[in-house]
Amino acid sequence: MATAVLESLAVPRASHGTQERYTSRAASAPFPAALGCCPACLMLEFKCLSVTNRPSKISSSVRRASGRISRRVAVICKAQDTALDVPDVTKETWKSLVMESDKPVLVEFWAPWCGPCRMILPSIAKLSKIYEDKMKCFKLNTDESPDIATQYGIRSIPTIIIFKNGEKKDAVIGAVPETTLTTCIEKHL
């Protein structure tokens, strides 16, 4: 899973009742005392973010020469492990992942430009986690693998097809509620 590094984040911090400036490389902002709360309270708004100390990259000789001790902190996003993604299947992997699977397989036929496809993807990701022992879930980009989409008569996306023993068992067209997908999955387990 990819991790994004924030290069320019200004985090206000107070020390012993005074207002102190904490800056990153690009931005600088004093603590807004007018808000009437401490910086820790401001960070509570971001429930999945935490600030942790990390060692400074400045050598001790530079510290002594400048007379300042630099403290570096890192902002950690705890939510990055909760993000789920549905693996891709392509023309090259179709046979091994879908046709020869020993478990039922749910495939979402989608395209990156399709808004409803993006709306339903989190539901499919959630269901893939719920049913991970009983079923496999994949997504197929119809722009990159049009042959497979044509083979199964995909005329509208998103289309979700359930395969069992290499055979098409059920299909759902459109961005449907998660309960509709659950009902469809339960029929074929």
N, C-alpha and C. Protein backbone atom coordinates (compact mmCIF):
# COMPACT_ATOMS: atom_id res chain seq x y z
N MET A 1 0.85 -1.17 0.00
CA MET A 1 0.00 0.00 0.00
C MET A 1 0.89 1.23 0.00
N ALA A 2 0.57 2.17 -0.83
CA ALA A 2 1.35 3.39 -0.95
C ALA A 2 1.12 4.30 0.24
N THR A 3 2.15 5.02 0.61
CA THR A 3 2.06 5.96 1.71
C THR A 3 2.43 7.34 1.20
N ALA A 4 1.63 8.31 1.51
CA ALA A 4 1.91 9.68 1.10
C ALA A 4 2.66 10.39 2.22
N VAL A 5 3.66 11.17 1.85
CA VAL A 5 4.44 11.93 2.81
C VAL A 5 4.04 13.39 2.67
N LEU A 6 3.67 13.99 3.77
CA LEU A 6 3.30 15.39 3.77
C LEU A 6 4.57 16.22 3.89
N GLU A 7 4.85 17.03 2.89
CA GLU A 7 6.06 17.84 2.90
C GLU A 7 5.82 19.22 3.49
N SER A 8 4.60 19.72 3.47
CA SER A 8 4.37 21.07 3.97
C SER A 8 3.10 21.11 4.80
N LEU A 9 3.24 20.86 6.06
CA LEU A 9 2.12 20.88 6.98
C LEU A 9 2.48 21.78 8.15
N ALA A 10 1.67 22.77 8.41
CA ALA A 10 1.92 23.67 9.54
C ALA A 10 1.07 23.21 10.70
N VAL A 11 1.71 22.88 11.80
CA VAL A 11 1.01 22.40 12.99
C VAL A 11 1.26 23.39 14.11
N PRO A 12 0.23 24.07 14.59
CA PRO A 12 0.43 25.00 15.70
C PRO A 12 0.70 24.24 16.99
N ARG A 13 1.60 24.78 17.81
CA ARG A 13 1.93 24.12 19.07
C ARG A 13 2.20 25.18 20.12
N ALA A 14 1.71 24.95 21.33
CA ALA A 14 1.97 25.87 22.44
C ALA A 14 2.88 25.17 23.44
N SER A 15 3.74 25.94 24.08
CA SER A 15 4.67 25.37 25.04
C SER A 15 4.63 26.20 26.32
N HIS A 16 4.29 25.62 27.42
CA HIS A 16 4.26 26.26 28.73
C HIS A 16 3.48 27.57 28.72
N GLY A 17 2.32 27.56 28.13
CA GLY A 17 1.45 28.73 28.14
C GLY A 17 1.84 29.82 27.16
N THR A 18 2.87 29.62 26.37
CA THR A 18 3.26 30.64 25.39
C THR A 18 2.88 30.17 24.00
N GLN A 19 2.86 31.12 23.11
CA GLN A 19 2.59 30.78 21.72
C GLN A 19 3.91 30.60 21.01
N GLU A 20 4.06 29.44 20.41
CA GLU A 20 5.30 29.14 19.73
C GLU A 20 5.00 28.85 18.27
N ARG A 21 5.95 29.09 17.43
CA ARG A 21 5.75 28.79 16.02
C ARG A 21 6.39 27.46 15.69
N TYR A 22 5.61 26.58 15.06
CA TYR A 22 6.17 25.35 14.54
C TYR A 22 5.89 25.35 13.06
N THR A 23 6.93 25.22 12.27
CA THR A 23 6.74 25.29 10.83
C THR A 23 7.30 24.06 10.14
N SER A 24 6.80 23.87 8.95
CA SER A 24 7.36 22.84 8.08
C SER A 24 8.20 23.56 7.05
N ARG A 25 8.58 22.90 5.99
CA ARG A 25 9.42 23.51 4.96
C ARG A 25 8.73 24.68 4.26
N ALA A 26 7.45 24.51 3.92
CA ALA A 26 6.81 25.48 3.04
C ALA A 26 5.90 26.47 3.73
N ALA A 27 5.33 26.11 4.85
CA ALA A 27 4.31 26.97 5.44
C ALA A 27 4.66 27.33 6.87
N SER A 28 4.22 28.50 7.29
CA SER A 28 4.46 28.96 8.64
C SER A 28 3.22 29.69 9.13
N ALA A 29 2.73 29.29 10.31
CA ALA A 29 1.55 29.96 10.85
C ALA A 29 1.61 29.93 12.36
N PRO A 30 1.41 31.08 13.03
CA PRO A 30 1.39 31.09 14.49
C PRO A 30 0.11 30.44 14.99
N PHE A 31 0.13 29.99 16.24
CA PHE A 31 -1.05 29.38 16.84
C PHE A 31 -2.15 30.42 16.97
N PRO A 32 -3.32 30.14 16.47
CA PRO A 32 -4.41 31.11 16.54
C PRO A 32 -5.05 31.13 17.93
N ALA A 33 -4.57 32.03 18.79
CA ALA A 33 -5.07 32.11 20.16
C ALA A 33 -6.55 32.50 20.19
N ALA A 34 -7.02 33.14 19.14
CA ALA A 34 -8.41 33.58 19.09
C ALA A 34 -9.38 32.40 19.10
N LEU A 35 -8.89 31.22 18.78
CA LEU A 35 -9.78 30.05 18.77
C LEU A 35 -10.13 29.60 20.18
N GLY A 36 -9.33 29.99 21.16
CA GLY A 36 -9.65 29.70 22.55
C GLY A 36 -9.42 28.26 22.96
N CYS A 37 -8.60 27.54 22.25
CA CYS A 37 -8.29 26.17 22.67
C CYS A 37 -6.84 25.88 22.34
N CYS A 38 -6.37 24.78 22.88
CA CYS A 38 -4.98 24.42 22.67
C CYS A 38 -4.81 23.69 21.33
N PRO A 39 -3.60 23.60 20.81
CA PRO A 39 -3.38 22.92 19.54
C PRO A 39 -3.77 21.44 19.58
N ALA A 40 -3.61 20.81 20.74
CA ALA A 40 -4.00 19.40 20.84
C ALA A 40 -5.49 19.23 20.56
N CYS A 41 -6.28 20.22 21.01
CA CYS A 41 -7.71 20.17 20.74
C CYS A 41 -7.99 20.30 19.25
N LEU A 42 -7.18 21.11 18.57
CA LEU A 42 -7.35 21.26 17.13
C LEU A 42 -7.06 19.95 16.42
N MET A 43 -6.07 19.22 16.87
CA MET A 43 -5.72 17.94 16.23
C MET A 43 -6.78 16.88 16.46
N LEU A 44 -7.60 17.03 17.51
CA LEU A 44 -8.64 16.05 17.77
C LEU A 44 -9.69 16.01 16.67
N GLU A 45 -9.80 17.09 15.90
CA GLU A 45 -10.74 17.09 14.78
C GLU A 45 -10.37 16.03 13.77
N PHE A 46 -9.09 15.74 13.64
CA PHE A 46 -8.62 14.76 12.68
C PHE A 46 -8.39 13.45 13.42
N LYS A 47 -9.44 12.66 13.53
CA LYS A 47 -9.42 11.48 14.38
C LYS A 47 -8.41 10.41 13.95
N CYS A 48 -8.03 10.39 12.69
CA CYS A 48 -7.10 9.37 12.22
C CYS A 48 -5.67 9.87 12.11
N LEU A 49 -5.40 11.10 12.56
CA LEU A 49 -4.06 11.65 12.50
C LEU A 49 -3.46 11.72 13.89
N SER A 50 -2.20 11.44 13.98
CA SER A 50 -1.50 11.63 15.25
C SER A 50 -0.13 12.22 14.95
N VAL A 51 0.44 12.90 15.92
CA VAL A 51 1.75 13.51 15.76
C VAL A 51 2.71 12.74 16.64
N THR A 52 3.83 12.32 16.07
CA THR A 52 4.81 11.56 16.81
C THR A 52 6.19 12.18 16.62
N ASN A 53 7.00 12.15 17.67
CA ASN A 53 8.36 12.68 17.57
C ASN A 53 9.23 11.70 16.82
N ARG A 54 10.15 12.24 16.05
CA ARG A 54 11.15 11.41 15.40
C ARG A 54 12.49 12.11 15.52
N PRO A 55 13.56 11.37 15.48
CA PRO A 55 14.87 11.99 15.66
C PRO A 55 15.17 13.02 14.56
N SER A 56 15.86 14.06 14.96
CA SER A 56 16.24 15.10 14.01
C SER A 56 17.35 14.59 13.11
N LYS A 57 17.37 15.09 11.88
CA LYS A 57 18.42 14.72 10.95
C LYS A 57 19.61 15.68 11.02
N ILE A 58 19.54 16.66 11.93
CA ILE A 58 20.61 17.64 12.07
C ILE A 58 21.66 17.07 13.03
N SER A 59 22.90 17.13 12.62
CA SER A 59 23.96 16.56 13.45
C SER A 59 24.17 17.39 14.71
N SER A 60 24.79 16.81 15.73
CA SER A 60 24.99 17.50 17.00
C SER A 60 25.93 18.70 16.84
N SER A 61 26.89 18.65 15.92
CA SER A 61 27.79 19.80 15.73
C SER A 61 27.03 20.99 15.17
N VAL A 62 26.08 20.76 14.29
CA VAL A 62 25.26 21.84 13.75
C VAL A 62 24.39 22.41 14.86
N ARG A 63 23.86 21.52 15.73
CA ARG A 63 23.03 21.99 16.84
C ARG A 63 23.82 22.92 17.74
N ARG A 64 25.06 22.53 18.09
CA ARG A 64 25.86 23.35 18.98
C ARG A 64 26.22 24.69 18.33
N ALA A 65 26.52 24.67 17.05
CA ALA A 65 26.91 25.90 16.35
C ALA A 65 25.76 26.89 16.27
N SER A 66 24.56 26.40 16.05
CA SER A 66 23.43 27.30 15.90
C SER A 66 22.81 27.67 17.25
N GLY A 67 23.08 26.88 18.27
CA GLY A 67 22.52 27.16 19.58
C GLY A 67 21.06 26.73 19.70
N ARG A 68 20.50 26.14 18.66
CA ARG A 68 19.10 25.69 18.67
C ARG A 68 19.05 24.18 18.55
N ILE A 69 18.12 23.63 19.21
CA ILE A 69 17.88 22.20 19.07
C ILE A 69 16.62 22.04 18.22
N SER A 70 16.77 21.32 17.16
CA SER A 70 15.65 21.12 16.24
C SER A 70 14.91 19.83 16.61
N ARG A 71 13.61 19.96 16.72
CA ARG A 71 12.78 18.76 16.97
C ARG A 71 11.93 18.53 15.74
N ARG A 72 11.99 17.35 15.21
CA ARG A 72 11.17 17.00 14.06
C ARG A 72 10.04 16.09 14.53
N VAL A 73 8.90 16.26 13.92
CA VAL A 73 7.77 15.40 14.22
C VAL A 73 7.23 14.84 12.92
N ALA A 74 6.51 13.74 13.03
CA ALA A 74 5.87 13.14 11.87
C ALA A 74 4.38 13.05 12.13
N VAL A 75 3.59 13.32 11.12
CA VAL A 75 2.15 13.17 11.20
C VAL A 75 1.82 11.80 10.62
N ILE A 76 1.20 10.96 11.42
CA ILE A 76 0.89 9.60 11.02
C ILE A 76 -0.60 9.47 10.77
N CYS A 77 -0.96 8.90 9.63
CA CYS A 77 -2.37 8.64 9.31
C CYS A 77 -2.68 7.20 9.69
N LYS A 78 -3.47 7.02 10.73
CA LYS A 78 -3.82 5.68 11.20
C LYS A 78 -4.84 5.00 10.30
N ALA A 79 -5.49 5.77 9.45
CA ALA A 79 -6.54 5.22 8.59
C ALA A 79 -5.98 4.51 7.37
N GLN A 80 -4.69 4.62 7.09
CA GLN A 80 -4.18 4.04 5.86
C GLN A 80 -4.32 2.52 5.84
N ASP A 81 -4.33 1.86 6.98
CA ASP A 81 -4.50 0.42 7.00
C ASP A 81 -5.96 0.01 6.86
N THR A 82 -6.87 0.96 7.03
CA THR A 82 -8.28 0.62 6.93
C THR A 82 -8.80 0.73 5.50
N ALA A 83 -8.04 1.40 4.64
CA ALA A 83 -8.47 1.53 3.26
C ALA A 83 -8.34 0.18 2.56
N LEU A 84 -9.41 -0.24 1.93
CA LEU A 84 -9.41 -1.51 1.24
C LEU A 84 -9.39 -1.28 -0.25
N ASP A 85 -8.75 -2.17 -0.95
CA ASP A 85 -8.74 -2.08 -2.39
C ASP A 85 -9.05 -3.45 -2.95
N VAL A 86 -9.74 -3.45 -4.06
CA VAL A 86 -10.09 -4.69 -4.75
C VAL A 86 -9.02 -4.92 -5.80
N PRO A 87 -8.40 -6.11 -5.83
CA PRO A 87 -7.34 -6.35 -6.81
C PRO A 87 -7.89 -6.36 -8.25
N ASP A 88 -7.02 -5.99 -9.17
CA ASP A 88 -7.38 -5.97 -10.58
C ASP A 88 -7.20 -7.35 -11.20
N VAL A 89 -8.02 -7.64 -12.18
CA VAL A 89 -7.85 -8.81 -13.02
C VAL A 89 -7.74 -8.30 -14.45
N THR A 90 -6.88 -8.89 -15.24
CA THR A 90 -6.66 -8.46 -16.61
C THR A 90 -6.89 -9.63 -17.55
N LYS A 91 -6.76 -9.36 -18.83
CA LYS A 91 -6.92 -10.40 -19.85
C LYS A 91 -5.92 -11.54 -19.59
N GLU A 92 -4.72 -11.19 -19.16
CA GLU A 92 -3.66 -12.18 -18.93
C GLU A 92 -3.94 -13.04 -17.69
N THR A 93 -4.56 -12.46 -16.67
CA THR A 93 -4.78 -13.20 -15.42
C THR A 93 -6.21 -13.74 -15.29
N TRP A 94 -7.07 -13.45 -16.26
CA TRP A 94 -8.48 -13.83 -16.19
C TRP A 94 -8.67 -15.33 -15.96
N LYS A 95 -8.00 -16.15 -16.76
CA LYS A 95 -8.19 -17.60 -16.69
C LYS A 95 -7.78 -18.15 -15.33
N SER A 96 -6.61 -17.76 -14.85
CA SER A 96 -6.11 -18.32 -13.58
C SER A 96 -6.87 -17.80 -12.36
N LEU A 97 -7.25 -16.52 -12.37
CA LEU A 97 -7.89 -15.95 -11.18
C LEU A 97 -9.41 -16.17 -11.14
N VAL A 98 -10.06 -16.19 -12.29
CA VAL A 98 -11.52 -16.27 -12.31
C VAL A 98 -12.01 -17.65 -12.78
N MET A 99 -11.57 -18.08 -13.94
CA MET A 99 -12.08 -19.33 -14.53
C MET A 99 -11.65 -20.57 -13.75
N GLU A 100 -10.44 -20.57 -13.23
CA GLU A 100 -9.92 -21.75 -12.54
C GLU A 100 -9.97 -21.63 -11.02
N SER A 101 -10.73 -20.70 -10.50
CA SER A 101 -10.82 -20.50 -9.05
C SER A 101 -11.63 -21.60 -8.39
N ASP A 102 -11.18 -22.03 -7.22
CA ASP A 102 -11.90 -23.05 -6.47
C ASP A 102 -13.02 -22.45 -5.63
N LYS A 103 -13.06 -21.13 -5.53
CA LYS A 103 -14.11 -20.43 -4.79
C LYS A 103 -14.95 -19.61 -5.77
N PRO A 104 -16.16 -19.21 -5.37
CA PRO A 104 -16.92 -18.26 -6.20
C PRO A 104 -16.14 -16.95 -6.34
N VAL A 105 -16.31 -16.29 -7.47
CA VAL A 105 -15.58 -15.06 -7.75
C VAL A 105 -16.56 -13.96 -8.14
N LEU A 106 -16.42 -12.79 -7.49
CA LEU A 106 -17.20 -11.62 -7.84
C LEU A 106 -16.29 -10.69 -8.64
N VAL A 107 -16.74 -10.29 -9.83
CA VAL A 107 -15.96 -9.39 -10.67
C VAL A 107 -16.78 -8.15 -10.96
N GLU A 108 -16.20 -6.97 -10.67
CA GLU A 108 -16.84 -5.72 -11.05
C GLU A 108 -16.21 -5.25 -12.35
N PHE A 109 -17.03 -5.07 -13.38
CA PHE A 109 -16.60 -4.50 -14.64
C PHE A 109 -16.76 -3.00 -14.49
N TRP A 110 -15.68 -2.25 -14.63
CA TRP A 110 -15.68 -0.83 -14.32
C TRP A 110 -14.75 -0.07 -15.28
N ALA A 111 -14.73 1.24 -15.15
CA ALA A 111 -13.79 2.10 -15.86
C ALA A 111 -13.46 3.28 -14.94
N PRO A 112 -12.25 3.81 -15.03
CA PRO A 112 -11.84 4.90 -14.14
C PRO A 112 -12.68 6.17 -14.28
N TRP A 113 -13.26 6.42 -15.43
CA TRP A 113 -14.05 7.62 -15.67
C TRP A 113 -15.50 7.48 -15.21
N CYS A 114 -15.89 6.31 -14.75
CA CYS A 114 -17.28 6.01 -14.40
C CYS A 114 -17.55 6.37 -12.93
N GLY A 115 -18.40 7.39 -12.71
CA GLY A 115 -18.75 7.81 -11.35
C GLY A 115 -19.44 6.74 -10.53
N PRO A 116 -20.50 6.08 -11.06
CA PRO A 116 -21.17 5.01 -10.30
C PRO A 116 -20.23 3.84 -9.97
N CYS A 117 -19.25 3.59 -10.84
CA CYS A 117 -18.27 2.52 -10.56
C CYS A 117 -17.46 2.87 -9.31
N ARG A 118 -17.08 4.11 -9.21
CA ARG A 118 -16.31 4.56 -8.05
C ARG A 118 -17.17 4.58 -6.78
N MET A 119 -18.48 4.82 -6.95
CA MET A 119 -19.38 4.83 -5.80
C MET A 119 -19.55 3.43 -5.20
N ILE A 120 -19.60 2.43 -6.04
CA ILE A 120 -19.87 1.07 -5.56
C ILE A 120 -18.60 0.34 -5.11
N LEU A 121 -17.44 0.81 -5.54
CA LEU A 121 -16.18 0.13 -5.21
C LEU A 121 -15.94 -0.03 -3.71
N PRO A 122 -16.21 0.97 -2.85
CA PRO A 122 -16.01 0.74 -1.40
C PRO A 122 -16.90 -0.38 -0.85
N SER A 123 -18.11 -0.51 -1.37
CA SER A 123 -18.99 -1.60 -0.93
C SER A 123 -18.42 -2.95 -1.32
N ILE A 124 -17.90 -3.04 -2.53
CA ILE A 124 -17.30 -4.30 -2.99
C ILE A 124 -16.05 -4.61 -2.18
N ALA A 125 -15.26 -3.59 -1.87
CA ALA A 125 -14.06 -3.78 -1.05
C ALA A 125 -14.44 -4.28 0.34
N LYS A 126 -15.50 -3.73 0.90
CA LYS A 126 -15.97 -4.16 2.22
C LYS A 126 -16.45 -5.61 2.18
N LEU A 127 -17.21 -5.94 1.14
CA LEU A 127 -17.71 -7.32 1.00
C LEU A 127 -16.57 -8.30 0.76
N SER A 128 -15.53 -7.86 0.06
CA SER A 128 -14.39 -8.75 -0.17
C SER A 128 -13.70 -9.09 1.14
N LYS A 129 -13.69 -8.14 2.08
CA LYS A 129 -13.10 -8.39 3.40
C LYS A 129 -14.01 -9.31 4.22
N ILE A 130 -15.32 -9.09 4.15
CA ILE A 130 -16.27 -9.90 4.91
C ILE A 130 -16.25 -11.36 4.43
N TYR A 131 -16.22 -11.55 3.12
CA TYR A 131 -16.31 -12.89 2.54
C TYR A 131 -14.96 -13.43 2.07
N GLU A 132 -13.85 -12.93 2.63
CA GLU A 132 -12.54 -13.31 2.12
C GLU A 132 -12.24 -14.81 2.21
N ASP A 133 -12.86 -15.54 3.13
CA ASP A 133 -12.62 -16.98 3.25
C ASP A 133 -13.51 -17.79 2.31
N LYS A 134 -14.61 -17.19 1.85
CA LYS A 134 -15.60 -17.92 1.06
C LYS A 134 -15.62 -17.55 -0.41
N MET A 135 -15.05 -16.37 -0.76
CA MET A 135 -15.19 -15.86 -2.11
C MET A 135 -14.02 -14.93 -2.43
N LYS A 136 -13.72 -14.79 -3.72
CA LYS A 136 -12.70 -13.85 -4.18
C LYS A 136 -13.39 -12.70 -4.90
N CYS A 137 -12.83 -11.50 -4.78
CA CYS A 137 -13.37 -10.32 -5.46
C CYS A 137 -12.29 -9.65 -6.29
N PHE A 138 -12.65 -9.27 -7.51
CA PHE A 138 -11.75 -8.59 -8.41
C PHE A 138 -12.50 -7.49 -9.14
N LYS A 139 -11.73 -6.59 -9.78
CA LYS A 139 -12.32 -5.59 -10.66
C LYS A 139 -11.59 -5.67 -12.00
N LEU A 140 -12.35 -5.49 -13.08
CA LEU A 140 -11.79 -5.55 -14.42
C LEU A 140 -12.07 -4.22 -15.11
N ASN A 141 -11.00 -3.55 -15.53
CA ASN A 141 -11.11 -2.28 -16.23
C ASN A 141 -11.51 -2.57 -17.68
N THR A 142 -12.73 -2.19 -18.05
CA THR A 142 -13.25 -2.50 -19.38
C THR A 142 -12.51 -1.73 -20.48
N ASP A 143 -11.85 -0.62 -20.15
CA ASP A 143 -11.06 0.10 -21.15
C ASP A 143 -9.78 -0.65 -21.49
N GLU A 144 -9.22 -1.36 -20.50
CA GLU A 144 -7.97 -2.08 -20.71
C GLU A 144 -8.19 -3.51 -21.20
N SER A 145 -9.34 -4.10 -20.91
CA SER A 145 -9.64 -5.47 -21.33
C SER A 145 -11.02 -5.53 -21.99
N PRO A 146 -11.18 -4.88 -23.14
CA PRO A 146 -12.50 -4.86 -23.77
C PRO A 146 -12.95 -6.23 -24.30
N ASP A 147 -12.00 -7.12 -24.59
CA ASP A 147 -12.35 -8.45 -25.10
C ASP A 147 -13.19 -9.23 -24.11
N ILE A 148 -12.79 -9.20 -22.85
CA ILE A 148 -13.52 -9.94 -21.82
C ILE A 148 -14.89 -9.31 -21.58
N ALA A 149 -14.94 -7.98 -21.57
CA ALA A 149 -16.22 -7.29 -21.39
C ALA A 149 -17.17 -7.65 -22.53
N THR A 150 -16.68 -7.70 -23.75
CA THR A 150 -17.51 -8.08 -24.90
C THR A 150 -17.96 -9.53 -24.81
N GLN A 151 -17.07 -10.41 -24.37
CA GLN A 151 -17.38 -11.83 -24.23
C GLN A 151 -18.57 -12.06 -23.30
N TYR A 152 -18.69 -11.25 -22.26
CA TYR A 152 -19.78 -11.42 -21.29
C TYR A 152 -20.92 -10.43 -21.51
N GLY A 153 -20.91 -9.75 -22.63
CA GLY A 153 -22.02 -8.88 -23.00
C GLY A 153 -22.18 -7.66 -22.12
N ILE A 154 -21.08 -7.11 -21.66
CA ILE A 154 -21.14 -5.92 -20.80
C ILE A 154 -21.46 -4.71 -21.67
N ARG A 155 -22.61 -4.12 -21.45
CA ARG A 155 -23.02 -2.93 -22.21
C ARG A 155 -23.16 -1.71 -21.32
N SER A 156 -23.18 -1.93 -20.02
CA SER A 156 -23.34 -0.85 -19.06
C SER A 156 -22.44 -1.14 -17.86
N ILE A 157 -21.80 -0.11 -17.36
CA ILE A 157 -20.96 -0.29 -16.18
C ILE A 157 -21.45 0.65 -15.09
N PRO A 158 -21.33 0.27 -13.85
CA PRO A 158 -20.73 -0.96 -13.35
C PRO A 158 -21.66 -2.16 -13.54
N THR A 159 -21.06 -3.27 -13.88
CA THR A 159 -21.75 -4.56 -13.91
C THR A 159 -20.97 -5.50 -13.01
N ILE A 160 -21.66 -6.14 -12.10
CA ILE A 160 -21.03 -7.09 -11.18
C ILE A 160 -21.51 -8.47 -11.57
N ILE A 161 -20.57 -9.37 -11.83
CA ILE A 161 -20.91 -10.74 -12.21
C ILE A 161 -20.29 -11.69 -11.20
N ILE A 162 -21.07 -12.70 -10.80
CA ILE A 162 -20.57 -13.74 -9.91
C ILE A 162 -20.33 -15.00 -10.74
N PHE A 163 -19.12 -15.52 -10.64
CA PHE A 163 -18.72 -16.74 -11.33
C PHE A 163 -18.53 -17.85 -10.31
N LYS A 164 -18.95 -19.05 -10.70
CA LYS A 164 -18.73 -20.21 -9.84
C LYS A 164 -18.33 -21.37 -10.75
N ASN A 165 -17.19 -21.99 -10.45
CA ASN A 165 -16.64 -23.07 -11.27
C ASN A 165 -16.46 -22.62 -12.72
N GLY A 166 -16.07 -21.38 -12.92
CA GLY A 166 -15.81 -20.85 -14.26
C GLY A 166 -17.05 -20.47 -15.05
N GLU A 167 -18.22 -20.57 -14.45
CA GLU A 167 -19.47 -20.23 -15.14
C GLU A 167 -20.10 -18.98 -14.54
N LYS A 168 -20.69 -18.18 -15.42
CA LYS A 168 -21.41 -16.99 -14.97
C LYS A 168 -22.70 -17.43 -14.29
N LYS A 169 -22.88 -17.03 -13.03
CA LYS A 169 -24.05 -17.45 -12.26
C LYS A 169 -25.07 -16.33 -12.08
N ASP A 170 -24.61 -15.11 -11.88
CA ASP A 170 -25.52 -14.01 -11.61
C ASP A 170 -24.87 -12.70 -12.03
N ALA A 171 -25.69 -11.70 -12.35
CA ALA A 171 -25.18 -10.38 -12.72
C ALA A 171 -26.06 -9.30 -12.12
N VAL A 172 -25.42 -8.23 -11.70
CA VAL A 172 -26.10 -7.05 -11.16
C VAL A 172 -25.57 -5.86 -11.94
N ILE A 173 -26.48 -5.05 -12.47
CA ILE A 173 -26.07 -3.90 -13.27
C ILE A 173 -26.40 -2.62 -12.51
N GLY A 174 -25.42 -1.72 -12.46
CA GLY A 174 -25.62 -0.42 -11.82
C GLY A 174 -25.05 -0.37 -10.41
N ALA A 175 -25.04 0.85 -9.88
CA ALA A 175 -24.57 1.08 -8.51
C ALA A 175 -25.72 0.78 -7.56
N VAL A 176 -25.75 -0.44 -7.09
CA VAL A 176 -26.84 -0.92 -6.23
C VAL A 176 -26.41 -0.85 -4.77
N PRO A 177 -27.37 -0.90 -3.84
CA PRO A 177 -27.00 -0.90 -2.42
C PRO A 177 -26.23 -2.16 -2.03
N GLU A 178 -25.47 -2.04 -0.97
CA GLU A 178 -24.66 -3.16 -0.47
C GLU A 178 -25.53 -4.37 -0.14
N THR A 179 -26.74 -4.14 0.35
CA THR A 179 -27.64 -5.25 0.71
C THR A 179 -28.01 -6.08 -0.52
N THR A 180 -28.16 -5.42 -1.66
CA THR A 180 -28.46 -6.14 -2.90
C THR A 180 -27.30 -7.06 -3.28
N LEU A 181 -26.10 -6.56 -3.15
CA LEU A 181 -24.92 -7.38 -3.44
C LEU A 181 -24.80 -8.53 -2.46
N THR A 182 -25.06 -8.28 -1.20
CA THR A 182 -24.99 -9.32 -0.17
C THR A 182 -25.97 -10.44 -0.47
N THR A 183 -27.19 -10.09 -0.84
CA THR A 183 -28.21 -11.09 -1.17
C THR A 183 -27.76 -11.93 -2.36
N CYS A 184 -27.21 -11.28 -3.34
CA CYS A 184 -26.73 -11.97 -4.53
C CYS A 184 -25.57 -12.92 -4.20
N ILE A 185 -24.67 -12.48 -3.36
CA ILE A 185 -23.52 -13.31 -2.96
C ILE A 185 -24.00 -14.51 -2.16
N GLU A 186 -24.89 -14.30 -1.22
CA GLU A 186 -25.36 -15.38 -0.34
C GLU A 186 -26.02 -16.51 -1.13
N LYS A 187 -26.66 -16.18 -2.25
CA LYS A 187 -27.30 -17.21 -3.09
C LYS A 187 -26.30 -18.20 -3.66
N HIS A 188 -25.07 -17.76 -3.83
CA HIS A 188 -24.09 -18.58 -4.55
C HIS A 188 -22.95 -19.10 -3.68
N LEU A 189 -23.06 -18.98 -2.39
CA LEU A 189 -22.02 -19.52 -1.49
C LEU A 189 -22.33 -20.93 -1.05
